N, C-alpha and C. Protein backbone atom coordinates (compact mmCIF):
# COMPACT_ATOMS: atom_id res chain seq x y z
N MET A 1 121.57 52.49 41.18
CA MET A 1 121.52 51.65 42.36
C MET A 1 120.15 51.77 43.03
N ARG A 2 119.56 50.63 43.33
CA ARG A 2 118.23 50.63 43.96
C ARG A 2 118.33 51.05 45.41
N ARG A 3 117.31 51.81 45.82
CA ARG A 3 117.22 52.31 47.19
C ARG A 3 115.84 51.99 47.75
N HIS A 4 115.71 52.13 49.06
CA HIS A 4 114.44 51.91 49.75
C HIS A 4 114.19 53.14 50.62
N TYR A 5 112.98 53.70 50.52
CA TYR A 5 112.61 54.84 51.36
C TYR A 5 111.27 54.60 52.03
N LYS A 6 111.16 55.09 53.26
CA LYS A 6 109.92 55.11 54.03
C LYS A 6 109.48 56.56 54.07
N ILE A 7 108.24 56.83 53.65
CA ILE A 7 107.77 58.21 53.53
C ILE A 7 106.42 58.35 54.23
N THR A 8 106.31 59.38 55.05
CA THR A 8 105.03 59.72 55.68
C THR A 8 104.61 61.09 55.17
N ILE A 9 103.37 61.18 54.71
CA ILE A 9 102.82 62.42 54.17
C ILE A 9 101.69 62.87 55.08
N ARG A 10 101.75 64.12 55.53
CA ARG A 10 100.72 64.66 56.43
C ARG A 10 100.00 65.84 55.78
N GLY A 11 98.81 66.09 56.29
CA GLY A 11 97.97 67.17 55.78
C GLY A 11 96.61 66.59 55.44
N LEU A 12 95.93 67.23 54.51
CA LEU A 12 94.67 66.68 54.00
C LEU A 12 95.04 65.70 52.89
N VAL A 13 95.30 64.45 53.29
CA VAL A 13 95.80 63.46 52.34
C VAL A 13 94.97 62.18 52.32
N GLN A 14 93.94 62.10 53.14
CA GLN A 14 93.02 60.96 53.09
C GLN A 14 91.68 61.46 52.55
N GLY A 15 91.02 60.60 51.78
CA GLY A 15 89.74 60.97 51.19
C GLY A 15 89.89 61.82 49.94
N VAL A 16 91.11 61.90 49.39
CA VAL A 16 91.36 62.70 48.19
C VAL A 16 92.06 61.87 47.10
N SER A 17 91.97 60.55 47.21
CA SER A 17 92.57 59.60 46.26
C SER A 17 94.10 59.67 46.23
N TYR A 18 94.69 60.04 47.36
CA TYR A 18 96.15 60.14 47.42
C TYR A 18 96.81 58.79 47.14
N ARG A 19 96.31 57.71 47.77
CA ARG A 19 96.95 56.40 47.60
C ARG A 19 96.91 55.92 46.16
N PHE A 20 95.78 56.11 45.49
CA PHE A 20 95.66 55.61 44.12
C PHE A 20 96.49 56.45 43.15
N ASN A 21 96.58 57.76 43.41
CA ASN A 21 97.45 58.61 42.61
C ASN A 21 98.92 58.28 42.87
N ALA A 22 99.26 57.95 44.12
CA ALA A 22 100.63 57.55 44.45
C ALA A 22 100.99 56.26 43.71
N GLN A 23 100.04 55.34 43.62
CA GLN A 23 100.28 54.10 42.89
C GLN A 23 100.55 54.40 41.41
N ALA A 24 99.78 55.30 40.82
CA ALA A 24 99.99 55.67 39.42
C ALA A 24 101.37 56.29 39.22
N LYS A 25 101.77 57.16 40.14
CA LYS A 25 103.10 57.78 40.05
C LYS A 25 104.20 56.74 40.23
N ALA A 26 104.00 55.81 41.15
CA ALA A 26 104.99 54.75 41.36
C ALA A 26 105.17 53.93 40.07
N HIS A 27 104.07 53.62 39.40
CA HIS A 27 104.17 52.90 38.13
C HIS A 27 104.89 53.75 37.08
N GLU A 28 104.56 55.04 37.04
CA GLU A 28 105.19 55.95 36.08
C GLU A 28 106.71 56.01 36.29
N TYR A 29 107.14 55.98 37.55
CA TYR A 29 108.56 56.09 37.88
C TYR A 29 109.23 54.73 38.10
N ASP A 30 108.53 53.65 37.77
CA ASP A 30 109.08 52.29 37.88
C ASP A 30 109.54 51.97 39.30
N LEU A 31 108.66 52.27 40.27
CA LEU A 31 108.94 52.01 41.68
C LEU A 31 108.08 50.87 42.19
N THR A 32 108.57 50.17 43.19
CA THR A 32 107.81 49.10 43.84
C THR A 32 107.64 49.43 45.31
N GLY A 33 106.69 48.75 45.96
CA GLY A 33 106.44 48.97 47.38
C GLY A 33 104.96 48.97 47.68
N PHE A 34 104.56 49.86 48.59
CA PHE A 34 103.14 49.95 48.94
C PHE A 34 102.84 51.34 49.50
N VAL A 35 101.55 51.64 49.57
CA VAL A 35 101.06 52.87 50.19
C VAL A 35 99.83 52.52 51.01
N LYS A 36 99.66 53.18 52.16
CA LYS A 36 98.50 52.90 53.01
C LYS A 36 98.14 54.14 53.82
N ASN A 37 96.89 54.16 54.30
CA ASN A 37 96.45 55.20 55.22
C ASN A 37 96.87 54.82 56.63
N ASN A 38 97.26 55.81 57.43
CA ASN A 38 97.55 55.61 58.84
C ASN A 38 96.36 56.08 59.67
N TYR A 39 96.27 55.58 60.90
CA TYR A 39 95.17 55.96 61.78
C TYR A 39 95.22 57.43 62.18
N ASP A 40 96.39 58.06 62.09
CA ASP A 40 96.51 59.49 62.44
C ASP A 40 96.19 60.40 61.25
N PHE A 41 95.56 59.84 60.21
CA PHE A 41 95.13 60.55 59.01
C PHE A 41 96.27 60.93 58.07
N SER A 42 97.45 60.40 58.31
CA SER A 42 98.56 60.58 57.37
C SER A 42 98.55 59.41 56.38
N VAL A 43 99.40 59.50 55.38
CA VAL A 43 99.60 58.43 54.41
C VAL A 43 101.04 57.97 54.54
N TYR A 44 101.24 56.65 54.51
CA TYR A 44 102.57 56.06 54.65
C TYR A 44 102.88 55.23 53.42
N THR A 45 104.08 55.37 52.89
CA THR A 45 104.48 54.58 51.74
C THR A 45 105.92 54.11 51.91
N GLU A 46 106.18 52.92 51.41
CA GLU A 46 107.54 52.42 51.29
C GLU A 46 107.77 52.18 49.81
N ILE A 47 108.86 52.73 49.30
CA ILE A 47 109.14 52.61 47.87
C ILE A 47 110.56 52.13 47.66
N GLU A 48 110.74 51.43 46.55
CA GLU A 48 112.06 50.97 46.14
C GLU A 48 112.23 51.24 44.65
N GLY A 49 113.43 51.65 44.29
CA GLY A 49 113.73 51.91 42.89
C GLY A 49 115.01 52.69 42.77
N GLU A 50 115.26 53.17 41.56
CA GLU A 50 116.46 53.98 41.31
C GLU A 50 116.30 55.34 41.99
N GLU A 51 117.41 55.84 42.51
CA GLU A 51 117.36 57.06 43.33
C GLU A 51 116.74 58.25 42.59
N HIS A 52 117.07 58.43 41.31
CA HIS A 52 116.51 59.58 40.59
C HIS A 52 114.99 59.46 40.47
N ASN A 53 114.46 58.25 40.34
CA ASN A 53 113.01 58.06 40.28
C ASN A 53 112.37 58.25 41.65
N ILE A 54 113.05 57.81 42.70
CA ILE A 54 112.56 58.04 44.06
C ILE A 54 112.48 59.53 44.33
N ASN A 55 113.50 60.28 43.90
CA ASN A 55 113.48 61.73 44.11
C ASN A 55 112.30 62.39 43.41
N LYS A 56 111.97 61.94 42.19
CA LYS A 56 110.80 62.47 41.48
C LYS A 56 109.52 62.14 42.24
N PHE A 57 109.43 60.93 42.76
CA PHE A 57 108.25 60.52 43.52
C PHE A 57 108.10 61.38 44.78
N ILE A 58 109.20 61.60 45.49
CA ILE A 58 109.14 62.42 46.71
C ILE A 58 108.73 63.84 46.36
N GLU A 59 109.22 64.40 45.27
CA GLU A 59 108.79 65.73 44.83
C GLU A 59 107.28 65.74 44.60
N TRP A 60 106.76 64.68 43.95
CA TRP A 60 105.32 64.60 43.73
C TRP A 60 104.57 64.53 45.06
N CYS A 61 105.11 63.83 46.06
CA CYS A 61 104.45 63.69 47.36
C CYS A 61 104.13 65.04 47.98
N TYR A 62 104.98 66.04 47.76
CA TYR A 62 104.73 67.37 48.30
C TYR A 62 103.50 68.03 47.69
N VAL A 63 103.14 67.61 46.49
CA VAL A 63 101.98 68.19 45.79
C VAL A 63 100.78 67.27 45.91
N GLY A 64 100.96 66.00 45.56
CA GLY A 64 99.88 65.03 45.62
C GLY A 64 98.80 65.30 44.59
N PRO A 65 97.66 64.62 44.72
CA PRO A 65 96.55 64.85 43.79
C PRO A 65 95.93 66.23 44.00
N ARG A 66 95.10 66.62 43.08
CA ARG A 66 94.53 67.97 43.03
C ARG A 66 93.88 68.41 44.33
N LEU A 67 93.13 67.55 45.01
CA LEU A 67 92.39 67.94 46.21
C LEU A 67 93.21 67.84 47.50
N ALA A 68 94.41 67.32 47.42
CA ALA A 68 95.25 67.17 48.62
C ALA A 68 95.83 68.51 49.04
N LYS A 69 96.06 68.64 50.34
CA LYS A 69 96.75 69.81 50.90
C LYS A 69 97.86 69.26 51.80
N VAL A 70 99.02 69.06 51.24
CA VAL A 70 100.15 68.45 51.95
C VAL A 70 100.82 69.50 52.83
N THR A 71 101.03 69.14 54.10
CA THR A 71 101.73 70.04 55.03
C THR A 71 103.12 69.55 55.39
N GLU A 72 103.36 68.25 55.24
CA GLU A 72 104.67 67.70 55.62
C GLU A 72 104.94 66.40 54.88
N VAL A 73 106.18 66.23 54.46
CA VAL A 73 106.65 64.97 53.88
C VAL A 73 107.94 64.60 54.61
N ALA A 74 107.93 63.45 55.27
CA ALA A 74 109.11 62.96 55.98
C ALA A 74 109.60 61.70 55.30
N ALA A 75 110.81 61.73 54.76
CA ALA A 75 111.38 60.59 54.04
C ALA A 75 112.65 60.12 54.73
N GLU A 76 112.76 58.81 54.86
CA GLU A 76 113.91 58.21 55.54
C GLU A 76 114.36 56.98 54.75
N GLU A 77 115.65 56.87 54.50
CA GLU A 77 116.16 55.71 53.77
C GLU A 77 116.19 54.49 54.68
N GLY A 78 115.87 53.33 54.11
CA GLY A 78 115.88 52.08 54.86
C GLY A 78 116.56 50.98 54.08
N GLU A 79 116.46 49.77 54.60
CA GLU A 79 117.06 48.60 53.96
C GLU A 79 116.17 48.08 52.83
N LEU A 80 116.77 47.66 51.74
CA LEU A 80 116.02 47.08 50.62
C LEU A 80 115.28 45.83 51.08
N ILE A 81 114.02 45.73 50.68
CA ILE A 81 113.21 44.56 50.99
C ILE A 81 113.04 43.67 49.76
N GLY A 82 112.93 44.28 48.60
CA GLY A 82 112.79 43.51 47.36
C GLY A 82 111.35 43.39 46.90
N TYR A 83 110.56 44.44 47.07
CA TYR A 83 109.18 44.43 46.57
C TYR A 83 109.19 44.21 45.06
N SER A 84 108.20 43.47 44.55
CA SER A 84 108.13 43.22 43.11
C SER A 84 107.02 44.01 42.43
N THR A 85 106.09 44.54 43.22
CA THR A 85 104.98 45.34 42.68
C THR A 85 104.79 46.55 43.59
N PHE A 86 103.85 47.42 43.20
CA PHE A 86 103.44 48.52 44.08
C PHE A 86 101.96 48.34 44.33
N GLU A 87 101.58 48.26 45.60
CA GLU A 87 100.17 48.00 45.92
C GLU A 87 99.62 49.04 46.88
N VAL A 88 98.31 49.21 46.78
CA VAL A 88 97.56 50.05 47.72
C VAL A 88 97.06 49.15 48.82
N ARG A 89 97.42 49.47 50.05
CA ARG A 89 96.95 48.70 51.21
C ARG A 89 95.93 49.51 51.97
N LYS A 90 95.08 48.81 52.71
CA LYS A 90 94.09 49.51 53.53
C LYS A 90 94.67 49.93 54.84
């Protein structure tokens, strides 16, 4: 069953290619949605897909790319929107 999650990642997550690595992971796990930087230096993503793949993506969010230092991941389930791709937004 497809699910929708809103995820905010905090820590040293901007300037370390977090968004582009998140996009690669989303493709790997067959997820759709988007990822963007927030003004408070966090990263925000909305993802849709099968729950087991979303769980793998959230696990990856705690680690992120090599140079990231993640301090917090907040995930909340939301209503399905029906994204067809996964994109990096500014």
